[in-house]
Amino acid sequence: MKIVLIAAAVLAGIVAYRIFTPLSKSTPAAKQPVQPNKIPDSTTSDGETRLHAHVAALIGTSRPRNSANLDALNEAAEYIFKEFTSYGFKAEEQKYRVGGNEYKNILASYGPQDAAERIVIGAHYDVAGEMPGADDNASGIAGLLEIARMFSVRKPQVKYRVDFVAFSLEEPPHFGSHSMGSNVHARSLRDAGVKLRGMVCLEMIGYYSDEPGSQRYPVQGMEKMYPDKGNYIAVVSNMDNKKLVEEISAGIKSGSAIPVETLNAPEAVTGIGLSDHRSYWEYGFPAAMITNTAFLRNPHYHEPTDTIETLDFKRMNEVAKGVFNAVVNLK
C-alpha cells in the first residue's frame, strides 16, 4: 500500500507541474539549431509582417533596453506609445521612480471606460543584461501591439474595459520586487478599487520547434505524457485560476491554429510565477501567463543569440489571433 501511495503522489506531482517548472530564471536549455525566419516574404501575412516590424524596432534601440540604459528603455517606450496612438487610442505614461531614475509603463484602453470590470493584457519591454531580447520579450510586446490593433480595427463589442499595458523592469535586478512595472500597475488598480476580470501576461511567444526532443520537462516521465516538440503555446497560472486558464485556452484554440497546453500549479512550484502576472496575484487579482515555456524550449534565453532570426512569426501571429479571440469572448 505504501508503494502505491508513493507512486500516486509522484504522478500527482507530475500532473500538478504540467508544462514547466524551471529551476531558476536564468537556467539555459540545451543548444538547438537556429530556425531562420522568412520575413518579409511574398507569402507572409500582414500580421506576420507587423509582428516582425515590431520586434525589429524593439531590438534596434541604441543600446540594449535594460534598467541601466534609460535612453534605450525610453526609445522602446516611445515606439510603443506611438503605435498605440496610431491605432486611435489615447496612450498614457505611468511614471514611477526607482533608485533616483524615472521609469514608465505605457498604457492604452479599449471599450467602455466606465465598465464595472477590466481585463488587462500586458507584456514587459525591458531585457536582461546586454541581450537583444527578441523572444524575451520583444515577442510579447509585438503580440500586445498586434492584439491592440485588432481591437482598433475590428471593434468588437465587449462589456469589459480592456487595458493594454507595456511594463518596464520585469527583468533582474528588479524581478520579484515592487520596482517591477507590473507591480506598480497592479498596485495602482488595487488602490483605485478596480475590479479585474483577469490579467493576461504575454511572456516569450516567439520561439517554436518541430524537432523531436525540442521541448524539455523538469520531471522524468513527463515527456511520455506531453508533447516532445516545442510547437505549442502554454497557458499557465496558480491553483486559484483554473477557470481563467480554461477560458483563455478555449478561446485561443477556437480563434487560432496554434496548439495549446495548460498548467495550474501551486505558486511554490518554481516557474509558475516567472513573469508579470505574479504582480497581480500579489494584490488578489486573477492572472495567467501565455508562454512558449522559455528556457525549457528556447536555447537562446538570456543569451546574445536571442535574435529576430530565431523567431517563428507565423506561429506568433496565431498566438495573437488566439489571445484576441479569448479576451473578446471572456464571459
Protein backbone atom coordinates (compact mmCIF):
# COMPACT_ATOMS: atom_id res chain seq x y z
CA MET A 1 0.00 0.00 0.00
CA LYS A 2 2.85 2.37 0.85
CA ILE A 3 4.43 1.88 -2.57
CA VAL A 4 1.10 2.53 -4.26
CA LEU A 5 0.61 5.75 -2.30
CA ILE A 6 4.12 6.95 -3.17
CA ALA A 7 3.56 6.22 -6.85
CA ALA A 8 0.26 8.06 -6.75
CA ALA A 9 1.92 11.05 -5.10
CA VAL A 10 4.63 11.15 -7.75
CA LEU A 11 2.03 11.00 -10.52
CA ALA A 12 0.02 13.75 -8.83
CA GLY A 13 3.16 15.84 -8.67
CA ILE A 14 3.78 15.38 -12.37
CA VAL A 15 0.22 16.38 -13.19
CA ALA A 16 0.50 19.43 -10.94
CA TYR A 17 3.72 20.50 -12.61
CA ARG A 18 2.08 20.19 -16.04
CA ILE A 19 4.02 22.22 -18.59
CA PHE A 20 7.18 23.57 -16.95
CA THR A 21 8.96 24.08 -13.66
CA PRO A 22 12.26 25.85 -14.38
CA LEU A 23 14.93 25.57 -11.71
CA SER A 24 15.88 29.24 -11.99
CA LYS A 25 15.08 32.23 -14.16
CA SER A 26 18.45 32.00 -15.87
CA THR A 27 18.89 28.26 -16.49
CA PRO A 28 19.62 27.72 -20.20
CA ALA A 29 18.24 24.90 -22.29
CA ALA A 30 20.37 22.60 -24.43
CA LYS A 31 21.54 24.22 -27.66
CA GLN A 32 19.32 23.74 -30.68
CA PRO A 33 19.65 24.85 -34.30
CA VAL A 34 18.51 28.37 -35.12
CA GLN A 35 15.24 28.40 -37.03
CA PRO A 36 15.56 31.03 -39.79
CA ASN A 37 12.56 33.30 -40.20
CA LYS A 38 11.34 34.20 -43.67
CA ILE A 39 10.15 37.77 -43.19
CA PRO A 40 9.44 39.58 -45.44
CA ASP A 41 8.11 37.13 -47.98
CA SER A 42 5.52 37.23 -50.72
CA THR A 43 3.50 34.59 -48.86
CA THR A 44 3.76 36.31 -45.49
CA SER A 45 0.56 37.61 -43.90
CA ASP A 46 0.16 41.24 -42.91
CA GLY A 47 0.05 40.18 -39.26
CA GLU A 48 3.39 38.40 -39.53
CA THR A 49 4.93 41.41 -41.24
CA ARG A 50 3.70 43.75 -38.49
CA LEU A 51 5.00 41.46 -35.76
CA HIS A 52 8.38 41.30 -37.46
CA ALA A 53 8.50 45.10 -37.72
CA HIS A 54 7.70 45.50 -34.01
CA VAL A 55 10.42 43.08 -32.93
CA ALA A 56 12.93 44.72 -35.27
CA ALA A 57 12.14 48.15 -33.81
CA LEU A 58 12.48 46.97 -30.21
CA ILE A 59 15.78 45.16 -30.66
CA GLY A 60 17.04 48.10 -32.73
CA THR A 61 17.31 50.58 -29.86
CA SER A 62 20.62 52.42 -29.44
CA ARG A 63 21.64 50.08 -26.62
CA PRO A 64 20.03 47.01 -25.03
CA ARG A 65 16.84 48.12 -23.29
CA ASN A 66 17.76 47.24 -19.70
CA SER A 67 17.27 49.18 -16.49
CA ALA A 68 20.73 50.76 -16.69
CA ASN A 69 20.20 52.07 -20.22
CA LEU A 70 17.45 54.63 -19.66
CA ASP A 71 17.74 56.15 -23.13
CA ALA A 72 17.19 52.77 -24.76
CA LEU A 73 14.24 51.97 -22.48
CA ASN A 74 12.71 55.33 -23.37
CA GLU A 75 13.23 54.66 -27.08
CA ALA A 76 11.27 51.42 -26.72
CA ALA A 77 8.58 53.15 -24.65
CA GLU A 78 8.24 55.90 -27.25
CA TYR A 79 7.81 53.32 -30.02
CA ILE A 80 5.05 51.55 -28.08
CA PHE A 81 3.37 54.88 -27.26
CA LYS A 82 3.35 55.90 -30.93
CA GLU A 83 1.98 52.55 -32.03
CA PHE A 84 -0.91 52.74 -29.56
CA THR A 85 -1.62 56.28 -30.76
CA SER A 86 -1.55 55.20 -34.41
CA TYR A 87 -4.36 52.74 -33.64
CA GLY A 88 -6.53 55.60 -32.43
CA PHE A 89 -6.02 55.02 -28.71
CA LYS A 90 -5.17 57.71 -26.19
CA ALA A 91 -1.84 56.39 -24.93
CA GLU A 92 -0.65 57.25 -21.43
CA GLU A 93 2.55 57.00 -19.42
CA GLN A 94 2.52 55.65 -15.87
CA LYS A 95 5.75 57.06 -14.46
CA TYR A 96 7.47 55.91 -11.29
CA ARG A 97 10.91 56.27 -9.73
CA VAL A 98 13.42 53.63 -8.68
CA GLY A 99 16.85 54.49 -7.31
CA GLY A 100 16.59 58.09 -8.47
CA ASN A 101 15.70 57.11 -12.05
CA GLU A 102 12.36 57.50 -13.77
CA TYR A 103 10.76 54.51 -15.47
CA LYS A 104 7.41 54.18 -17.16
CA ASN A 105 4.66 51.82 -18.15
CA ILE A 106 2.81 52.61 -21.38
CA LEU A 107 -0.98 52.18 -21.35
CA ALA A 108 -3.93 52.33 -23.71
CA SER A 109 -7.50 51.10 -23.34
CA TYR A 110 -10.46 49.90 -25.37
CA GLY A 111 -14.13 49.59 -24.57
CA PRO A 112 -16.42 51.33 -22.10
CA GLN A 113 -14.28 53.47 -19.82
CA ASP A 114 -16.85 53.24 -17.03
CA ALA A 115 -17.14 49.44 -17.20
CA ALA A 116 -17.61 47.70 -13.87
CA GLU A 117 -14.72 45.33 -14.61
CA ARG A 118 -11.50 45.40 -16.60
CA ILE A 119 -9.25 42.99 -18.43
CA VAL A 120 -5.52 43.71 -18.60
CA ILE A 121 -3.30 42.39 -21.40
CA GLY A 122 0.34 43.08 -20.61
CA ALA A 123 3.95 42.36 -21.56
CA HIS A 124 7.33 43.71 -20.46
CA TYR A 125 9.60 45.62 -22.83
CA ASP A 126 12.89 45.54 -20.92
CA VAL A 127 15.63 42.93 -21.35
CA ALA A 128 18.05 41.05 -19.12
CA GLY A 129 21.55 42.50 -19.32
CA GLU A 130 23.09 43.32 -22.68
CA MET A 131 20.94 40.95 -24.71
CA PRO A 132 18.84 41.76 -27.80
CA GLY A 133 15.82 40.05 -26.23
CA ALA A 134 13.92 39.17 -29.39
CA ASP A 135 11.89 36.39 -27.78
CA ASP A 136 12.34 37.74 -24.23
CA ASN A 137 10.36 39.84 -24.55
CA ALA A 138 10.08 41.80 -27.80
CA SER A 139 7.86 38.94 -28.95
CA GLY A 140 5.42 39.61 -26.10
CA ILE A 141 5.28 43.35 -26.84
CA ALA A 142 4.83 42.66 -30.55
CA GLY A 143 1.90 40.40 -29.69
CA LEU A 144 0.45 43.05 -27.37
CA LEU A 145 0.61 45.68 -30.14
CA GLU A 146 -0.94 43.40 -32.72
CA ILE A 147 -3.77 42.46 -30.35
CA ALA A 148 -4.40 46.14 -29.62
CA ARG A 149 -4.50 46.82 -33.36
CA MET A 150 -7.08 44.04 -33.81
CA PHE A 151 -9.32 45.67 -31.24
CA SER A 152 -8.96 49.02 -33.00
CA VAL A 153 -9.73 47.63 -36.46
CA ARG A 154 -12.37 45.01 -35.66
CA LYS A 155 -14.10 46.99 -32.90
CA PRO A 156 -15.64 44.01 -31.07
CA GLN A 157 -18.45 44.59 -28.61
CA VAL A 158 -17.11 44.00 -25.09
CA LYS A 159 -18.64 44.51 -21.68
CA TYR A 160 -15.24 44.97 -20.05
CA ARG A 161 -12.73 47.77 -20.39
CA VAL A 162 -9.62 46.21 -21.95
CA ASP A 163 -6.32 47.79 -20.86
CA PHE A 164 -3.14 47.20 -22.88
CA VAL A 165 -0.06 47.73 -20.71
CA ALA A 166 3.64 47.60 -21.63
CA PHE A 167 5.68 47.14 -18.46
CA SER A 168 9.19 48.25 -17.57
CA LEU A 169 11.59 46.49 -15.16
CA GLU A 170 10.44 42.89 -15.27
CA GLU A 171 13.97 41.53 -15.57
CA PRO A 172 16.66 41.24 -12.87
CA PRO A 173 17.70 43.00 -10.71
CA HIS A 174 14.09 44.13 -10.29
CA PHE A 175 12.30 40.83 -10.84
CA GLY A 176 10.14 39.85 -7.87
CA SER A 177 10.27 43.32 -6.31
CA HIS A 178 7.87 46.24 -6.03
CA SER A 179 10.03 48.01 -8.64
CA MET A 180 8.52 45.87 -11.40
CA GLY A 181 6.34 47.97 -13.68
CA SER A 182 3.62 45.35 -13.40
CA ASN A 183 3.69 45.63 -9.62
CA VAL A 184 3.33 49.40 -9.87
CA HIS A 185 0.36 48.96 -12.20
CA ALA A 186 -1.33 46.21 -10.21
CA ARG A 187 -0.93 48.19 -7.01
CA SER A 188 -2.49 51.24 -8.65
CA LEU A 189 -5.53 49.16 -9.62
CA ARG A 190 -5.83 47.85 -6.07
CA ASP A 191 -5.54 51.34 -4.63
CA ALA A 192 -8.19 52.65 -7.03
CA GLY A 193 -10.61 49.84 -6.13
CA VAL A 194 -10.68 48.49 -9.69
CA LYS A 195 -12.40 45.15 -10.21
CA LEU A 196 -10.30 43.00 -12.56
CA ARG A 197 -11.89 40.19 -14.55
CA GLY A 198 -8.45 38.86 -15.40
CA MET A 199 -4.90 39.72 -16.41
CA VAL A 200 -3.25 38.08 -19.43
CA CYS A 201 0.55 38.19 -19.47
CA LEU A 202 2.42 37.67 -22.76
CA GLU A 203 5.86 36.25 -21.89
CA MET A 204 8.01 34.89 -24.74
CA ILE A 205 5.67 33.84 -27.54
CA GLY A 206 8.06 33.74 -30.50
CA TYR A 207 10.21 30.58 -30.37
CA TYR A 208 8.95 27.19 -31.60
CA SER A 209 10.49 23.97 -32.86
CA ASP A 210 9.17 20.90 -34.65
CA GLU A 211 12.29 18.91 -33.86
CA PRO A 212 11.70 15.78 -31.74
CA GLY A 213 13.02 16.34 -28.24
CA SER A 214 12.97 20.13 -28.56
CA GLN A 215 10.65 20.50 -25.55
CA ARG A 216 12.14 19.71 -22.16
CA TYR A 217 10.37 18.86 -18.90
CA PRO A 218 11.61 19.03 -15.30
CA VAL A 219 10.28 15.70 -14.06
CA GLN A 220 11.31 12.37 -15.53
CA GLY A 221 8.35 10.71 -17.20
CA MET A 222 6.55 13.88 -18.19
CA GLU A 223 7.88 13.50 -21.73
CA LYS A 224 5.62 10.45 -22.02
CA MET A 225 2.55 12.50 -21.10
CA TYR A 226 3.21 15.69 -23.04
CA PRO A 227 4.50 16.70 -26.50
CA ASP A 228 8.21 16.29 -27.08
CA LYS A 229 8.15 19.04 -29.72
CA GLY A 230 8.17 22.69 -28.73
CA ASN A 231 5.46 23.67 -31.19
CA TYR A 232 2.69 24.79 -28.83
CA ILE A 233 1.80 27.74 -26.60
CA ALA A 234 1.14 27.28 -22.88
CA VAL A 235 -1.41 28.96 -20.60
CA VAL A 236 -0.07 28.97 -17.04
CA SER A 237 -1.35 30.07 -13.63
CA ASN A 238 -1.66 29.13 -9.97
CA MET A 239 -4.29 26.90 -8.38
CA ASP A 240 -6.69 29.79 -7.83
CA ASN A 241 -7.15 30.49 -11.53
CA LYS A 242 -8.19 27.21 -13.10
CA LYS A 243 -11.30 28.72 -14.67
CA LEU A 244 -9.34 31.62 -16.19
CA VAL A 245 -6.78 29.21 -17.68
CA GLU A 246 -9.58 27.06 -19.12
CA GLU A 247 -11.33 30.07 -20.64
CA ILE A 248 -8.20 31.52 -22.19
CA SER A 249 -7.11 28.14 -23.53
CA ALA A 250 -10.51 27.51 -25.10
CA GLY A 251 -10.51 30.98 -26.66
CA ILE A 252 -7.06 30.52 -28.18
CA LYS A 253 -7.98 27.13 -29.58
CA SER A 254 -11.19 28.39 -31.17
CA GLY A 255 -9.56 31.52 -32.58
CA SER A 256 -6.30 30.21 -33.99
CA ALA A 257 -4.41 27.20 -35.28
CA ILE A 258 -1.75 27.10 -32.54
CA PRO A 259 -1.75 24.00 -30.29
CA VAL A 260 -2.33 24.84 -26.61
CA GLU A 261 -1.24 23.17 -23.36
CA THR A 262 -2.35 24.31 -19.90
CA LEU A 263 -0.95 24.38 -16.39
CA ASN A 264 -2.29 25.16 -12.92
CA ALA A 265 0.11 24.52 -10.06
CA PRO A 266 0.88 25.90 -6.60
CA GLU A 267 2.75 29.19 -6.57
CA ALA A 268 5.55 27.50 -4.64
CA VAL A 269 6.37 25.48 -7.75
CA THR A 270 9.31 27.29 -9.33
CA GLY A 271 8.42 28.76 -12.70
CA ILE A 272 4.71 29.27 -12.21
CA GLY A 273 5.18 32.94 -11.38
CA LEU A 274 8.15 33.85 -13.59
CA SER A 275 6.67 36.96 -15.21
CA ASP A 276 4.44 39.98 -14.70
CA HIS A 277 1.28 38.03 -13.83
CA ARG A 278 2.80 37.38 -10.37
CA SER A 279 2.34 41.07 -9.53
CA TYR A 280 -1.42 40.78 -9.95
CA TRP A 281 -1.60 37.69 -7.76
CA GLU A 282 0.07 39.73 -5.00
CA TYR A 283 -2.86 42.14 -4.97
CA GLY A 284 -5.54 39.49 -5.20
CA PHE A 285 -6.26 39.70 -8.94
CA PRO A 286 -6.75 36.70 -11.26
CA ALA A 287 -3.92 36.43 -13.79
CA ALA A 288 -2.43 33.93 -16.23
CA MET A 289 0.69 33.75 -18.39
CA ILE A 290 0.85 32.93 -22.12
CA THR A 291 4.31 31.49 -22.84
CA ASN A 292 6.41 29.21 -25.02
CA THR A 293 7.94 27.85 -21.76
CA ALA A 294 11.10 29.99 -22.01
CA PHE A 295 14.37 28.11 -21.41
CA LEU A 296 12.77 24.69 -21.35
CA ARG A 297 12.49 25.19 -25.11
CA ASN A 298 14.44 28.23 -26.25
CA PRO A 299 18.23 27.70 -26.08
CA HIS A 300 18.76 31.43 -26.68
CA TYR A 301 17.10 32.50 -23.43
CA HIS A 302 19.10 35.38 -21.86
CA GLU A 303 21.80 34.86 -24.48
CA PRO A 304 23.22 37.15 -27.20
CA THR A 305 21.71 34.72 -29.70
CA ASP A 306 18.13 35.70 -28.75
CA THR A 307 17.76 37.39 -32.13
CA ILE A 308 14.98 38.04 -34.59
CA GLU A 309 16.21 35.26 -36.89
CA THR A 310 15.20 32.63 -34.32
CA LEU A 311 11.52 33.63 -34.17
CA ASP A 312 8.57 31.99 -35.89
CA PHE A 313 6.27 34.84 -36.91
CA LYS A 314 3.61 32.61 -38.38
CA ARG A 315 3.02 30.94 -35.03
CA MET A 316 3.35 34.26 -33.21
CA ASN A 317 0.56 35.59 -35.37
CA GLU A 318 -1.61 32.62 -34.44
CA VAL A 319 -0.99 33.32 -30.74
CA ALA A 320 -2.03 36.97 -31.18
CA LYS A 321 -5.20 35.93 -33.02
CA GLY A 322 -5.99 33.36 -30.35
CA VAL A 323 -5.48 35.71 -27.40
CA PHE A 324 -7.62 38.36 -29.10
CA ASN A 325 -10.41 35.81 -29.51
CA ALA A 326 -10.03 34.61 -25.92
CA VAL A 327 -10.25 38.11 -24.43
CA VAL A 328 -13.20 39.16 -26.59
CA ASN A 329 -15.12 36.07 -25.52
CA LEU A 330 -14.42 36.12 -21.78
CA LYS A 331 -17.79 35.87 -20.06
